[in-house]
Amino acid sequence: MTPQTTLSIQQVGTFLLQVAPVRPVFIWGPPGIGKSSLVEQFAQDLGLECVSLLGSQLALEDLIGIPT
């Protein structure tokens, strides 16, 4: 099982810089608390492109393609 870490909003940027380049990061929380905005701002600060995917509106094939 992957370890769970709880961070304050002030700790997220540093955490992402250290962990995200080598491991996937899942940000979980209730709707409307700013998860997407946080990631978009982080990417903008680093000059990276950010694409938002809403998992509830995607099928598995949208992410991994259709098997051939």
C-alpha atoms as a PDB file:
ATOM      1  CA  MET A   1       0.000   0.000   0.000  1.00  0.00           C
ATOM      2  CA  THR A   2       1.220   3.500  -0.830  1.00  0.00           C
ATOM      3  CA  PRO A   3       1.863   5.707   2.200  1.00  0.00           C
ATOM      4  CA  GLN A   4      -0.569   8.521   2.870  1.00  0.00           C
ATOM      5  CA  THR A   5       0.733  11.956   3.792  1.00  0.00           C
ATOM      6  CA  THR A   6      -1.287  14.876   5.105  1.00  0.00           C
ATOM      7  CA  LEU A   7       0.170  18.292   4.287  1.00  0.00           C
ATOM      8  CA  SER A   8      -0.690  21.877   4.985  1.00  0.00           C
ATOM      9  CA  ILE A   9      -1.201  24.142   1.984  1.00  0.00           C
ATOM     10  CA  GLN A  10       2.184  25.702   2.725  1.00  0.00           C
ATOM     11  CA  GLN A  11       3.922  22.313   2.452  1.00  0.00           C
ATOM     12  CA  VAL A  12       2.407  21.159  -0.832  1.00  0.00           C
ATOM     13  CA  GLY A  13       4.760  23.003  -3.213  1.00  0.00           C
ATOM     14  CA  THR A  14       7.895  21.649  -1.563  1.00  0.00           C
ATOM     15  CA  PHE A  15       6.423  18.153  -1.418  1.00  0.00           C
ATOM     16  CA  LEU A  16       5.493  18.189  -5.098  1.00  0.00           C
ATOM     17  CA  LEU A  17       8.978  19.397  -6.087  1.00  0.00           C
ATOM     18  CA  GLN A  18      10.561  16.513  -4.188  1.00  0.00           C
ATOM     19  CA  VAL A  19       8.129  13.680  -4.914  1.00  0.00           C
ATOM     20  CA  ALA A  20       6.211  14.322  -8.154  1.00  0.00           C
ATOM     21  CA  PRO A  21       9.238  13.967 -10.479  1.00  0.00           C
ATOM     22  CA  VAL A  22       9.772  10.368  -9.322  1.00  0.00           C
ATOM     23  CA  ARG A  23       6.348   9.122  -8.137  1.00  0.00           C
ATOM     24  CA  PRO A  24       2.722   9.764  -9.027  1.00  0.00           C
ATOM     25  CA  VAL A  25       0.922  12.009  -6.542  1.00  0.00           C
ATOM     26  CA  PHE A  26      -2.804  11.722  -5.815  1.00  0.00           C
ATOM     27  CA  ILE A  27      -4.363  14.789  -4.208  1.00  0.00           C
ATOM     28  CA  TRP A  28      -7.592  13.911  -2.445  1.00  0.00           C
ATOM     29  CA  GLY A  29     -10.181  16.069  -0.728  1.00  0.00           C
ATOM     30  CA  PRO A  30     -13.755  17.260  -0.920  1.00  0.00           C
ATOM     31  CA  PRO A  31     -14.978  19.297  -3.901  1.00  0.00           C
ATOM     32  CA  GLY A  32     -14.250  23.007  -3.944  1.00  0.00           C
ATOM     33  CA  ILE A  33     -11.184  23.192  -1.694  1.00  0.00           C
ATOM     34  CA  GLY A  34      -8.787  24.209  -4.479  1.00  0.00           C
ATOM     35  CA  LYS A  35      -7.029  20.974  -5.471  1.00  0.00           C
ATOM     36  CA  SER A  36      -7.087  21.751  -9.187  1.00  0.00           C
ATOM     37  CA  SER A  37      -6.152  25.391  -8.636  1.00  0.00           C
ATOM     38  CA  LEU A  38      -3.219  24.339  -6.481  1.00  0.00           C
ATOM     39  CA  VAL A  39      -1.845  22.017  -9.187  1.00  0.00           C
ATOM     40  CA  GLU A  40      -2.452  24.571 -11.947  1.00  0.00           C
ATOM     41  CA  GLN A  41      -0.611  27.278  -9.989  1.00  0.00           C
ATOM     42  CA  PHE A  42       2.259  24.890  -9.200  1.00  0.00           C
ATOM     43  CA  ALA A  43       2.647  24.031 -12.904  1.00  0.00           C
ATOM     44  CA  GLN A  44       2.460  27.699 -13.893  1.00  0.00           C
ATOM     45  CA  ASP A  45       5.137  28.623 -11.345  1.00  0.00           C
ATOM     46  CA  LEU A  46       7.428  26.028 -12.926  1.00  0.00           C
ATOM     47  CA  GLY A  47       6.550  26.971 -16.505  1.00  0.00           C
ATOM     48  CA  LEU A  48       4.929  23.588 -17.150  1.00  0.00           C
ATOM     49  CA  GLU A  49       1.812  22.746 -19.127  1.00  0.00           C
ATOM     50  CA  CYS A  50      -1.060  21.486 -17.005  1.00  0.00           C
ATOM     51  CA  VAL A  51      -3.955  19.419 -18.327  1.00  0.00           C
ATOM     52  CA  SER A  52      -6.926  18.794 -16.044  1.00  0.00           C
ATOM     53  CA  LEU A  53      -8.761  15.483 -16.297  1.00  0.00           C
ATOM     54  CA  LEU A  54     -12.001  14.943 -14.441  1.00  0.00           C
ATOM     55  CA  GLY A  55     -12.016  11.258 -13.577  1.00  0.00           C
ATOM     56  CA  SER A  56     -15.768  11.165 -13.130  1.00  0.00           C
ATOM     57  CA  GLN A  57     -16.189  12.233 -16.763  1.00  0.00           C
ATOM     58  CA  LEU A  58     -13.669   9.846 -18.333  1.00  0.00           C
ATOM     59  CA  ALA A  59     -13.791   6.232 -19.351  1.00  0.00           C
ATOM     60  CA  LEU A  60     -10.752   3.999 -18.831  1.00  0.00           C
ATOM     61  CA  GLU A  61     -10.201   4.034 -22.608  1.00  0.00           C
ATOM     62  CA  ASP A  62      -9.774   7.822 -22.493  1.00  0.00           C
ATOM     63  CA  LEU A  63      -6.678   7.357 -20.358  1.00  0.00           C
ATOM     64  CA  ILE A  64      -5.078   4.181 -21.645  1.00  0.00           C
ATOM     65  CA  GLY A  65      -6.519   3.830 -25.165  1.00  0.00           C
ATOM     66  CA  ILE A  66      -8.514   1.069 -26.771  1.00  0.00           C
ATOM     67  CA  PRO A  67      -6.856  -2.369 -26.867  1.00  0.00           C
ATOM     68  CA  THR A  68      -6.010  -3.681 -30.328  1.00  0.00           C
END
